[in-house]
Amino acid sequence: QIEADRQSTNRYTVARAKMLLEQLASGKPLSPTYPYPVQ
């Protein structure tokens, strides 16, 4: 799905897809959560 996003006409979707694919290629999986701050 991310590779398909690289073919999008939306340059922001393409930029995100490129970033996520580089992350996967480095051996770091996508995180299912985000460390969200509550104070």
Full PDB file with SEQRES, HELIX, SHEET, SSBOND, CRYST1, ORIGX, SCALE, CONECT and MASTER records, all heavy atoms in Angstrom:
SEQRES   1 A   39  GLN ILE GLU ALA ASP ARG GLN SER THR ASN ARG TYR THR          
SEQRES   2 A   39  VAL ALA ARG ALA LYS MET LEU LEU GLU GLN LEU ALA SER          
SEQRES   3 A   39  GLY LYS PRO LEU SER PRO THR TYR PRO TYR PRO VAL GLN          
HELIX    1 AA1 ILE A    2  ASP A    5  1                                   4    
HELIX    2 AA2 ARG A   11  ALA A   25  1                                  15    
CRYST1    1.000    1.000    1.000  90.00  90.00  90.00 P 1           1          
ORIGX1      1.000000  0.000000  0.000000        0.00000                         
ORIGX2      0.000000  1.000000  0.000000        0.00000                         
ORIGX3      0.000000  0.000000  1.000000        0.00000                         
SCALE1      1.000000  0.000000  0.000000        0.00000                         
SCALE2      0.000000  1.000000  0.000000        0.00000                         
SCALE3      0.000000  0.000000  1.000000        0.00000                         
ATOM      1  N   GLN A   1       0.826  -1.211   0.000  1.00  0.00           N  
ATOM      2  CA  GLN A   1       0.000   0.000   0.000  1.00  0.00           C  
ATOM      3  C   GLN A   1       0.861   1.262   0.000  1.00  0.00           C  
ATOM      4  O   GLN A   1       0.546   2.246  -0.676  1.00  0.00           O  
ATOM      5  CB  GLN A   1      -0.929  -0.008   1.223  1.00  0.00           C  
ATOM      6  CG  GLN A   1      -2.044  -1.046   1.140  1.00  0.00           C  
ATOM      7  CD  GLN A   1      -2.811  -1.177   2.440  1.00  0.00           C  
ATOM      8  OE1 GLN A   1      -2.244  -1.105   3.532  1.00  0.00           O  
ATOM      9  NE2 GLN A   1      -4.118  -1.366   2.327  1.00  0.00           N  
ATOM     10  N   ILE A   2       1.952   1.214   0.747  1.00  0.00           N  
ATOM     11  CA  ILE A   2       2.853   2.371   0.792  1.00  0.00           C  
ATOM     12  C   ILE A   2       3.521   2.573  -0.562  1.00  0.00           C  
ATOM     13  O   ILE A   2       3.655   3.703  -1.055  1.00  0.00           O  
ATOM     14  CB  ILE A   2       3.908   2.194   1.897  1.00  0.00           C  
ATOM     15  CG1 ILE A   2       3.230   2.054   3.265  1.00  0.00           C  
ATOM     16  CG2 ILE A   2       4.872   3.370   1.909  1.00  0.00           C  
ATOM     17  CD1 ILE A   2       4.185   1.694   4.389  1.00  0.00           C  
ATOM     18  N   GLU A   3       3.921   1.472  -1.196  1.00  0.00           N  
ATOM     19  CA  GLU A   3       4.540   1.577  -2.522  1.00  0.00           C  
ATOM     20  C   GLU A   3       3.549   2.141  -3.540  1.00  0.00           C  
ATOM     21  O   GLU A   3       3.929   2.910  -4.437  1.00  0.00           O  
ATOM     22  CB  GLU A   3       5.050   0.208  -2.961  1.00  0.00           C  
ATOM     23  CG  GLU A   3       6.283  -0.244  -2.180  1.00  0.00           C  
ATOM     24  CD  GLU A   3       6.709  -1.660  -2.513  1.00  0.00           C  
ATOM     25  OE1 GLU A   3       5.842  -2.431  -2.990  1.00  0.00           O  
ATOM     26  OE2 GLU A   3       7.889  -2.003  -2.285  1.00  0.00           O  
ATOM     27  N   ALA A   4       2.271   1.801  -3.388  1.00  0.00           N  
ATOM     28  CA  ALA A   4       1.255   2.355  -4.284  1.00  0.00           C  
ATOM     29  C   ALA A   4       1.113   3.860  -4.076  1.00  0.00           C  
ATOM     30  O   ALA A   4       0.880   4.615  -5.038  1.00  0.00           O  
ATOM     31  CB  ALA A   4      -0.088   1.657  -4.052  1.00  0.00           C  
ATOM     32  N   ASP A   5       1.289   4.283  -2.825  1.00  0.00           N  
ATOM     33  CA  ASP A   5       1.189   5.720  -2.531  1.00  0.00           C  
ATOM     34  C   ASP A   5       2.302   6.515  -3.217  1.00  0.00           C  
ATOM     35  O   ASP A   5       2.150   7.717  -3.459  1.00  0.00           O  
ATOM     36  CB  ASP A   5       1.251   5.958  -1.018  1.00  0.00           C  
ATOM     37  CG  ASP A   5      -0.090   5.707  -0.341  1.00  0.00           C  
ATOM     38  OD1 ASP A   5      -1.106   5.611  -1.052  1.00  0.00           O  
ATOM     39  OD2 ASP A   5      -0.120   5.616   0.903  1.00  0.00           O  
ATOM     40  N   ARG A   6       3.395   5.867  -3.537  1.00  0.00           N  
ATOM     41  CA  ARG A   6       4.485   6.568  -4.230  1.00  0.00           C  
ATOM     42  C   ARG A   6       4.073   7.004  -5.635  1.00  0.00           C  
ATOM     43  O   ARG A   6       4.717   7.870  -6.233  1.00  0.00           O  
ATOM     44  CB  ARG A   6       5.722   5.680  -4.321  1.00  0.00           C  
ATOM     45  CG  ARG A   6       6.448   5.500  -2.998  1.00  0.00           C  
ATOM     46  CD  ARG A   6       7.858   5.023  -3.209  1.00  0.00           C  
ATOM     47  NE  ARG A   6       8.709   6.014  -3.864  1.00  0.00           N  
ATOM     48  CZ  ARG A   6      10.013   5.871  -4.069  1.00  0.00           C  
ATOM     49  NH1 ARG A   6      10.626   4.762  -3.659  1.00  0.00           N  
ATOM     50  NH2 ARG A   6      10.718   6.799  -4.672  1.00  0.00           N  
ATOM     51  N   GLN A   7       3.012   6.414  -6.128  1.00  0.00           N  
ATOM     52  CA  GLN A   7       2.538   6.771  -7.469  1.00  0.00           C  
ATOM     53  C   GLN A   7       1.436   7.822  -7.414  1.00  0.00           C  
ATOM     54  O   GLN A   7       0.856   8.169  -8.449  1.00  0.00           O  
ATOM     55  CB  GLN A   7       2.010   5.513  -8.177  1.00  0.00           C  
ATOM     56  CG  GLN A   7       2.948   4.322  -8.145  1.00  0.00           C  
ATOM     57  CD  GLN A   7       4.342   4.657  -8.655  1.00  0.00           C  
ATOM     58  OE1 GLN A   7       4.483   5.314  -9.695  1.00  0.00           O  
ATOM     59  NE2 GLN A   7       5.366   4.213  -7.956  1.00  0.00           N  
ATOM     60  N   SER A   8       1.146   8.327  -6.237  1.00  0.00           N  
ATOM     61  CA  SER A   8       0.068   9.311  -6.077  1.00  0.00           C  
ATOM     62  C   SER A   8       0.402  10.615  -6.801  1.00  0.00           C  
ATOM     63  O   SER A   8       1.571  10.958  -7.013  1.00  0.00           O  
ATOM     64  CB  SER A   8      -0.156   9.595  -4.587  1.00  0.00           C  
ATOM     65  OG  SER A   8      -1.054  10.674  -4.394  1.00  0.00           O  
ATOM     66  N   THR A   9      -0.641  11.355  -7.160  1.00  0.00           N  
ATOM     67  CA  THR A   9      -0.451  12.689  -7.735  1.00  0.00           C  
ATOM     68  C   THR A   9      -0.304  13.756  -6.653  1.00  0.00           C  
ATOM     69  O   THR A   9      -0.021  14.913  -6.962  1.00  0.00           O  
ATOM     70  CB  THR A   9      -1.637  13.052  -8.635  1.00  0.00           C  
ATOM     71  OG1 THR A   9      -2.859  12.970  -7.873  1.00  0.00           O  
ATOM     72  CG2 THR A   9      -1.732  12.096  -9.825  1.00  0.00           C  
ATOM     73  N   ASN A  10      -0.502  13.354  -5.384  1.00  0.00           N  
ATOM     74  CA  ASN A  10      -0.348  14.273  -4.251  1.00  0.00           C  
ATOM     75  C   ASN A  10       1.092  14.195  -3.769  1.00  0.00           C  
ATOM     76  O   ASN A  10       1.540  13.149  -3.300  1.00  0.00           O  
ATOM     77  CB  ASN A  10      -1.321  13.891  -3.134  1.00  0.00           C  
ATOM     78  CG  ASN A  10      -1.278  14.861  -1.967  1.00  0.00           C  
ATOM     79  OD1 ASN A  10      -0.213  15.265  -1.501  1.00  0.00           O  
ATOM     80  ND2 ASN A  10      -2.445  15.225  -1.456  1.00  0.00           N  
ATOM     81  N   ARG A  11       1.826  15.297  -3.875  1.00  0.00           N  
ATOM     82  CA  ARG A  11       3.256  15.252  -3.538  1.00  0.00           C  
ATOM     83  C   ARG A  11       3.498  14.978  -2.059  1.00  0.00           C  
ATOM     84  O   ARG A  11       4.549  14.436  -1.698  1.00  0.00           O  
ATOM     85  CB  ARG A  11       3.940  16.548  -3.953  1.00  0.00           C  
ATOM     86  CG  ARG A  11       3.493  17.816  -3.249  1.00  0.00           C  
ATOM     87  CD  ARG A  11       4.099  19.037  -3.908  1.00  0.00           C  
ATOM     88  NE  ARG A  11       3.710  20.309  -3.312  1.00  0.00           N  
ATOM     89  CZ  ARG A  11       4.446  20.957  -2.421  1.00  0.00           C  
ATOM     90  NH1 ARG A  11       5.601  20.463  -2.031  1.00  0.00           N  
ATOM     91  NH2 ARG A  11       4.036  22.112  -1.923  1.00  0.00           N  
ATOM     92  N   TYR A  12       2.531  15.316  -1.204  1.00  0.00           N  
ATOM     93  CA  TYR A  12       2.705  15.047   0.223  1.00  0.00           C  
ATOM     94  C   TYR A  12       2.530  13.556   0.513  1.00  0.00           C  
ATOM     95  O   TYR A  12       3.229  12.983   1.351  1.00  0.00           O  
ATOM     96  CB  TYR A  12       1.705  15.869   1.033  1.00  0.00           C  
ATOM     97  CG  TYR A  12       1.905  17.361   0.864  1.00  0.00           C  
ATOM     98  CD1 TYR A  12       1.047  18.106   0.058  1.00  0.00           C  
ATOM     99  CD2 TYR A  12       2.958  18.018   1.489  1.00  0.00           C  
ATOM    100  CE1 TYR A  12       1.223  19.467  -0.123  1.00  0.00           C  
ATOM    101  CE2 TYR A  12       3.151  19.388   1.319  1.00  0.00           C  
ATOM    102  CZ  TYR A  12       2.286  20.098   0.511  1.00  0.00           C  
ATOM    103  OH  TYR A  12       2.464  21.451   0.330  1.00  0.00           O  
ATOM    104  N   THR A  13       1.589  12.936  -0.184  1.00  0.00           N  
ATOM    105  CA  THR A  13       1.424  11.480  -0.057  1.00  0.00           C  
ATOM    106  C   THR A  13       2.677  10.764  -0.541  1.00  0.00           C  
ATOM    107  O   THR A  13       3.145   9.795   0.080  1.00  0.00           O  
ATOM    108  CB  THR A  13       0.194  11.016  -0.861  1.00  0.00           C  
ATOM    109  OG1 THR A  13      -0.973  11.658  -0.352  1.00  0.00           O  
ATOM    110  CG2 THR A  13       0.022   9.508  -0.764  1.00  0.00           C  
ATOM    111  N   VAL A  14       3.252  11.241  -1.627  1.00  0.00           N  
ATOM    112  CA  VAL A  14       4.486  10.652  -2.161  1.00  0.00           C  
ATOM    113  C   VAL A  14       5.630  10.822  -1.167  1.00  0.00           C  
ATOM    114  O   VAL A  14       6.401   9.889  -0.914  1.00  0.00           O  
ATOM    115  CB  VAL A  14       4.841  11.292  -3.516  1.00  0.00           C  
ATOM    116  CG1 VAL A  14       6.210  10.822  -3.991  1.00  0.00           C  
ATOM    117  CG2 VAL A  14       3.768  10.968  -4.552  1.00  0.00           C  
ATOM    118  N   ALA A  15       5.750  12.016  -0.597  1.00  0.00           N  
ATOM    119  CA  ALA A  15       6.835  12.274   0.357  1.00  0.00           C  
ATOM    120  C   ALA A  15       6.711  11.379   1.578  1.00  0.00           C  
ATOM    121  O   ALA A  15       7.709  10.840   2.082  1.00  0.00           O  
ATOM    122  CB  ALA A  15       6.825  13.743   0.771  1.00  0.00           C  
ATOM    123  N   ARG A  16       5.473  11.196   2.083  1.00  0.00           N  
ATOM    124  CA  ARG A  16       5.295  10.308   3.237  1.00  0.00           C  
ATOM    125  C   ARG A  16       5.635   8.872   2.866  1.00  0.00           C  
ATOM    126  O   ARG A  16       6.297   8.162   3.641  1.00  0.00           O  
ATOM    127  CB  ARG A  16       3.857  10.393   3.759  1.00  0.00           C  
ATOM    128  CG  ARG A  16       3.632   9.465   4.958  1.00  0.00           C  
ATOM    129  CD  ARG A  16       2.238   9.538   5.525  1.00  0.00           C  
ATOM    130  NE  ARG A  16       1.216   9.053   4.605  1.00  0.00           N  
ATOM    131  CZ  ARG A  16      -0.059   8.880   4.961  1.00  0.00           C  
ATOM    132  NH1 ARG A  16      -0.459   9.171   6.181  1.00  0.00           N  
ATOM    133  NH2 ARG A  16      -0.941   8.430   4.081  1.00  0.00           N  
ATOM    134  N   ALA A  17       5.187   8.434   1.711  1.00  0.00           N  
ATOM    135  CA  ALA A  17       5.466   7.064   1.289  1.00  0.00           C  
ATOM    136  C   ALA A  17       6.971   6.826   1.193  1.00  0.00           C  
ATOM    137  O   ALA A  17       7.487   5.787   1.639  1.00  0.00           O  
ATOM    138  CB  ALA A  17       4.792   6.787  -0.045  1.00  0.00           C  
ATOM    139  N   LYS A  18       7.693   7.775   0.634  1.00  0.00           N  
ATOM    140  CA  LYS A  18       9.147   7.641   0.508  1.00  0.00           C  
ATOM    141  C   LYS A  18       9.794   7.536   1.885  1.00  0.00           C  
ATOM    142  O   LYS A  18      10.673   6.699   2.110  1.00  0.00           O  
ATOM    143  CB  LYS A  18       9.713   8.829  -0.251  1.00  0.00           C  
ATOM    144  CG  LYS A  18      11.221   8.770  -0.462  1.00  0.00           C  
ATOM    145  CD  LYS A  18      11.711   9.986  -1.248  1.00  0.00           C  
ATOM    146  CE  LYS A  18      13.230   9.940  -1.424  1.00  0.00           C  
ATOM    147  NZ  LYS A  18      13.740  11.114  -2.163  1.00  0.00           N  
ATOM    148  N   MET A  19       9.347   8.367   2.822  1.00  0.00           N  
ATOM    149  CA  MET A  19       9.897   8.346   4.167  1.00  0.00           C  
ATOM    150  C   MET A  19       9.625   7.009   4.861  1.00  0.00           C  
ATOM    151  O   MET A  19      10.513   6.416   5.494  1.00  0.00           O  
ATOM    152  CB  MET A  19       9.298   9.481   4.992  1.00  0.00           C  
ATOM    153  CG  MET A  19       9.795   9.546   6.434  1.00  0.00           C  
ATOM    154  SD  MET A  19       8.847  10.715   7.437  1.00  0.00           S  
ATOM    155  CE  MET A  19       7.275   9.836   7.570  1.00  0.00           C  
ATOM    156  N   LEU A  20       8.390   6.502   4.730  1.00  0.00           N  
ATOM    157  CA  LEU A  20       8.029   5.244   5.388  1.00  0.00           C  
ATOM    158  C   LEU A  20       8.775   4.063   4.774  1.00  0.00           C  
ATOM    159  O   LEU A  20       9.201   3.144   5.488  1.00  0.00           O  
ATOM    160  CB  LEU A  20       6.518   5.026   5.303  1.00  0.00           C  
ATOM    161  CG  LEU A  20       5.643   6.039   6.054  1.00  0.00           C  
ATOM    162  CD1 LEU A  20       4.168   5.736   5.825  1.00  0.00           C  
ATOM    163  CD2 LEU A  20       5.965   6.039   7.547  1.00  0.00           C  
ATOM    164  N   LEU A  21       8.962   4.073   3.451  1.00  0.00           N  
ATOM    165  CA  LEU A  21       9.702   2.994   2.802  1.00  0.00           C  
ATOM    166  C   LEU A  21      11.166   3.008   3.214  1.00  0.00           C  
ATOM    167  O   LEU A  21      11.781   1.940   3.412  1.00  0.00           O  
ATOM    168  CB  LEU A  21       9.577   3.113   1.278  1.00  0.00           C  
ATOM    169  CG  LEU A  21       8.197   2.775   0.703  1.00  0.00           C  
ATOM    170  CD1 LEU A  21       8.120   3.133  -0.774  1.00  0.00           C  
ATOM    171  CD2 LEU A  21       7.879   1.288   0.917  1.00  0.00           C  
ATOM    172  N   GLU A  22      11.739   4.201   3.375  1.00  0.00           N  
ATOM    173  CA  GLU A  22      13.116   4.294   3.853  1.00  0.00           C  
ATOM    174  C   GLU A  22      13.227   3.758   5.274  1.00  0.00           C  
ATOM    175  O   GLU A  22      14.215   3.102   5.634  1.00  0.00           O  
ATOM    176  CB  GLU A  22      13.592   5.744   3.796  1.00  0.00           C  
ATOM    177  CG  GLU A  22      13.820   6.246   2.373  1.00  0.00           C  
ATOM    178  CD  GLU A  22      14.151   7.727   2.325  1.00  0.00           C  
ATOM    179  OE1 GLU A  22      14.042   8.394   3.382  1.00  0.00           O  
ATOM    180  OE2 GLU A  22      14.518   8.226   1.234  1.00  0.00           O  
ATOM    181  N   GLN A  23      12.217   4.020   6.079  1.00  0.00           N  
ATOM    182  CA  GLN A  23      12.213   3.500   7.444  1.00  0.00           C  
ATOM    183  C   GLN A  23      12.164   1.979   7.441  1.00  0.00           C  
ATOM    184  O   GLN A  23      12.923   1.311   8.171  1.00  0.00           O  
ATOM    185  CB  GLN A  23      11.007   4.049   8.208  1.00  0.00           C  
ATOM    186  CG  GLN A  23      10.878   3.510   9.639  1.00  0.00           C  
ATOM    187  CD  GLN A  23       9.654   4.048  10.361  1.00  0.00           C  
ATOM    188  OE1 GLN A  23       9.227   5.176  10.112  1.00  0.00           O  
ATOM    189  NE2 GLN A  23       9.095   3.242  11.240  1.00  0.00           N  
ATOM    190  N   LEU A  24      11.299   1.413   6.611  1.00  0.00           N  
ATOM    191  CA  LEU A  24      11.201  -0.053   6.531  1.00  0.00           C  
ATOM    192  C   LEU A  24      12.489  -0.659   6.001  1.00  0.00           C  
ATOM    193  O   LEU A  24      12.946  -1.714   6.477  1.00  0.00           O  
ATOM    194  CB  LEU A  24      10.019  -0.442   5.640  1.00  0.00           C  
ATOM    195  CG  LEU A  24       8.614  -0.127   6.184  1.00  0.00           C  
ATOM    196  CD1 LEU A  24       7.558  -0.418   5.125  1.00  0.00           C  
ATOM    197  CD2 LEU A  24       8.337  -0.930   7.454  1.00  0.00           C  
ATOM    198  N   ALA A  25      13.096  -0.006   5.029  1.00  0.00           N  
ATOM    199  CA  ALA A  25      14.340  -0.516   4.453  1.00  0.00           C  
ATOM    200  C   ALA A  25      15.471  -0.516   5.464  1.00  0.00           C  
ATOM    201  O   ALA A  25      16.395  -1.342   5.372  1.00  0.00           O  
ATOM    202  CB  ALA A  25      14.721   0.322   3.231  1.00  0.00           C  
ATOM    203  N   SER A  26      15.409   0.367   6.435  1.00  0.00           N  
ATOM    204  CA  SER A  26      16.455   0.425   7.470  1.00  0.00           C  
ATOM    205  C   SER A  26      16.257  -0.640   8.545  1.00  0.00           C  
ATOM    206  O   SER A  26      17.066  -0.742   9.465  1.00  0.00           O  
ATOM    207  CB  SER A  26      16.474   1.812   8.114  1.00  0.00           C  
ATOM    208  OG  SER A  26      15.323   2.012   8.920  1.00  0.00           O  
ATOM    209  N   GLY A  27      15.162  -1.402   8.425  1.00  0.00           N  
ATOM    210  CA  GLY A  27      14.901  -2.461   9.388  1.00  0.00           C  
ATOM    211  C   GLY A  27      14.031  -2.036  10.556  1.00  0.00           C  
ATOM    212  O   GLY A  27      13.829  -2.830  11.494  1.00  0.00           O  
ATOM    213  N   LYS A  28      13.483  -0.836  10.509  1.00  0.00           N  
ATOM    214  CA  LYS A  28      12.640  -0.345  11.598  1.00  0.00           C  
ATOM    215  C   LYS A  28      11.178  -0.455  11.187  1.00  0.00           C  
ATOM    216  O   LYS A  28      10.725   0.228  10.280  1.00  0.00           O  
ATOM    217  CB  LYS A  28      12.989   1.102  11.921  1.00  0.00           C  
ATOM    218  CG  LYS A  28      12.237   1.657  13.114  1.00  0.00           C  
ATOM    219  CD  LYS A  28      12.669   3.084  13.415  1.00  0.00           C  
ATOM    220  CE  LYS A  28      11.905   3.644  14.615  1.00  0.00           C  
ATOM    221  NZ  LYS A  28      12.298   5.054  14.893  1.00  0.00           N  
ATOM    222  N   PRO A  29      10.407  -1.304  11.871  1.00  0.00           N  
ATOM    223  CA  PRO A  29       9.000  -1.468  11.488  1.00  0.00           C  
ATOM    224  C   PRO A  29       8.172  -0.233  11.870  1.00  0.00           C  
ATOM    225  O   PRO A  29       8.566   0.566  12.727  1.00  0.00           O  
ATOM    226  CB  PRO A  29       8.561  -2.692  12.297  1.00  0.00           C  
ATOM    227  CG  PRO A  29       9.471  -2.706  13.487  1.00  0.00           C  
ATOM    228  CD  PRO A  29      10.793  -2.176  12.992  1.00  0.00           C  
ATOM    229  N   LEU A  30       7.021  -0.099  11.237  1.00  0.00           N  
ATOM    230  CA  LEU A  30       6.106   0.983  11.582  1.00  0.00           C  
ATOM    231  C   LEU A  30       5.530   0.736  12.971  1.00  0.00           C  
ATOM    232  O   LEU A  30       5.148  -0.387  13.309  1.00  0.00           O  
ATOM    233  CB  LEU A  30       4.976   1.078  10.565  1.00  0.00           C  
ATOM    234  CG  LEU A  30       5.369   1.276   9.101  1.00  0.00           C  
ATOM    235  CD1 LEU A  30       4.124   1.389   8.232  1.00  0.00           C  
ATOM    236  CD2 LEU A  30       6.253   2.508   8.935  1.00  0.00           C  
ATOM    237  N   SER A  31       5.462   1.768  13.779  1.00  0.00           N  
ATOM    238  CA  SER A  31       4.936   1.624  15.132  1.00  0.00           C  
ATOM    239  C   SER A  31       3.416   1.719  15.124  1.00  0.00           C  
ATOM    240  O   SER A  31       2.846   2.593  14.462  1.00  0.00           O  
ATOM    241  CB  SER A  31       5.506   2.705  16.048  1.00  0.00           C  
ATOM    242  OG  SER A  31       4.910   2.628  17.338  1.00  0.00           O  
ATOM    243  N   PRO A  32       2.739   0.836  15.871  1.00  0.00           N  
ATOM    244  CA  PRO A  32       1.268   0.903  15.939  1.00  0.00           C  
ATOM    245  C   PRO A  32       0.769   1.964  16.917  1.00  0.00           C  
ATOM    246  O   PRO A  32      -0.439   2.183  17.022  1.00  0.00           O  
ATOM    247  CB  PRO A  32       0.882  -0.496  16.421  1.00  0.00           C  
ATOM    248  CG  PRO A  32       2.057  -0.931  17.253  1.00  0.00           C  
ATOM    249  CD  PRO A  32       3.267  -0.333  16.597  1.00  0.00           C  
ATOM    250  N   THR A  33       1.682   2.615  17.630  1.00  0.00           N  
ATOM    251  CA  THR A  33       1.294   3.632  18.613  1.00  0.00           C  
ATOM    252  C   THR A  33       2.229   4.824  18.504  1.00  0.00           C  
ATOM    253  O   THR A  33       3.280   4.757  17.866  1.00  0.00           O  
ATOM    254  CB  THR A  33       1.366   3.083  20.054  1.00  0.00           C  
ATOM    255  OG1 THR A  33       2.727   2.720  20.356  1.00  0.00           O  
ATOM    256  CG2 THR A  33       0.469   1.872  20.225  1.00  0.00           C  
ATOM    257  N   TYR A  34       1.836   5.918  19.184  1.00  0.00           N  
ATOM    258  CA  TYR A  34       2.682   7.102  19.271  1.00  0.00           C  
ATOM    259  C   TYR A  34       2.785   7.512  20.737  1.00  0.00           C  
ATOM    260  O   TYR A  34       1.772   7.511  21.447  1.00  0.00           O  
ATOM    261  CB  TYR A  34       2.101   8.264  18.446  1.00  0.00           C  
ATOM    262  CG  TYR A  34       3.054   9.438  18.358  1.00  0.00           C  
ATOM    263  CD1 TYR A  34       3.955   9.543  17.309  1.00  0.00           C  
ATOM    264  CD2 TYR A  34       3.085  10.419  19.352  1.00  0.00           C  
ATOM    265  CE1 TYR A  34       4.860  10.597  17.241  1.00  0.00           C  
ATOM    266  CE2 TYR A  34       3.981  11.476  19.291  1.00  0.00           C  
ATOM    267  CZ  TYR A  34       4.871  11.560  18.238  1.00  0.00           C  
ATOM    268  OH  TYR A  34       5.772  12.592  18.179  1.00  0.00           O  
ATOM    269  N   PRO A  35       3.988   7.875  21.212  1.00  0.00           N  
ATOM    270  CA  PRO A  35       4.143   8.286  22.617  1.00  0.00           C  
ATOM    271  C   PRO A  35       3.531   9.671  22.846  1.00  0.00           C  
ATOM    272  O   PRO A  35       4.183  10.689  22.633  1.00  0.00           O  
ATOM    273  CB  PRO A  35       5.661   8.285  22.823  1.00  0.00           C  
ATOM    274  CG  PRO A  35       6.233   8.522  21.452  1.00  0.00           C  
ATOM    275  CD  PRO A  35       5.286   7.844  20.500  1.00  0.00           C  
ATOM    276  N   TYR A  36       2.304   9.698  23.310  1.00  0.00           N  
ATOM    277  CA  TYR A  36       1.524  10.938  23.382  1.00  0.00           C  
ATOM    278  C   TYR A  36       1.627  11.575  24.768  1.00  0.00           C  
ATOM    279  O   TYR A  36       1.338  10.930  25.781  1.00  0.00           O  
ATOM    280  CB  TYR A  36       0.062  10.635  23.057  1.00  0.00           C  
ATOM    281  CG  TYR A  36      -0.827  11.845  23.084  1.00  0.00           C  
ATOM    282  CD1 TYR A  36      -0.857  12.735  22.024  1.00  0.00           C  
ATOM    283  CD2 TYR A  36      -1.636  12.110  24.184  1.00  0.00           C  
ATOM    284  CE1 TYR A  36      -1.667  13.858  22.046  1.00  0.00           C  
ATOM    285  CE2 TYR A  36      -2.445  13.217  24.224  1.00  0.00           C  
ATOM    286  CZ  TYR A  36      -2.463  14.091  23.153  1.00  0.00           C  
ATOM    287  OH  TYR A  36      -3.263  15.210  23.181  1.00  0.00           O  
ATOM    288  N   PRO A  37       2.022  12.852  24.842  1.00  0.00           N  
ATOM    289  CA  PRO A  37       2.235  13.494  26.144  1.00  0.00           C  
ATOM    290  C   PRO A  37       0.947  14.035  26.772  1.00  0.00           C  
ATOM    291  O   PRO A  37       0.189  14.770  26.128  1.00  0.00           O  
ATOM    292  CB  PRO A  37       3.189  14.643  25.799  1.00  0.00           C  
ATOM    293  CG  PRO A  37       2.835  15.012  24.394  1.00  0.00           C  
ATOM    294  CD  PRO A  37       2.413  13.732  23.722  1.00  0.00           C  
ATOM    295  N   VAL A  38       0.722  13.661  28.011  1.00  0.00           N  
ATOM    296  CA  VAL A  38      -0.377  14.198  28.817  1.00  0.00           C  
ATOM    297  C   VAL A  38       0.228  14.734  30.103  1.00  0.00           C  
ATOM    298  O   VAL A  38       0.934  14.009  30.815  1.00  0.00           O  
ATOM    299  CB  VAL A  38      -1.422  13.113  29.149  1.00  0.00           C  
ATOM    300  CG1 VAL A  38      -2.538  13.696  30.030  1.00  0.00           C  
ATOM    301  CG2 VAL A  38      -2.000  12.517  27.874  1.00  0.00           C  
ATOM    302  N   GLN A  39      -0.029  15.998  30.414  1.00  0.00           N  
ATOM    303  CA  GLN A  39       0.562  16.636  31.583  1.00  0.00           C  
ATOM    304  C   GLN A  39      -0.517  17.394  32.353  1.00  0.00           C  
ATOM    305  O   GLN A  39      -1.423  17.984  31.757  1.00  0.00           O  
ATOM    306  CB  GLN A  39       1.662  17.605  31.160  1.00  0.00           C  
ATOM    307  CG  GLN A  39       2.441  18.225  32.316  1.00  0.00           C  
ATOM    308  CD  GLN A  39       3.629  19.037  31.823  1.00  0.00           C  
ATOM    309  OE1 GLN A  39       3.627  19.532  30.700  1.00  0.00           O  
ATOM    310  NE2 GLN A  39       4.653  19.170  32.638  1.00  0.00           N  
TER     311      GLN A  39                                                      
MASTER        0    0    0    2    0    0    0    6  310    1    0    3          
END                                                                             
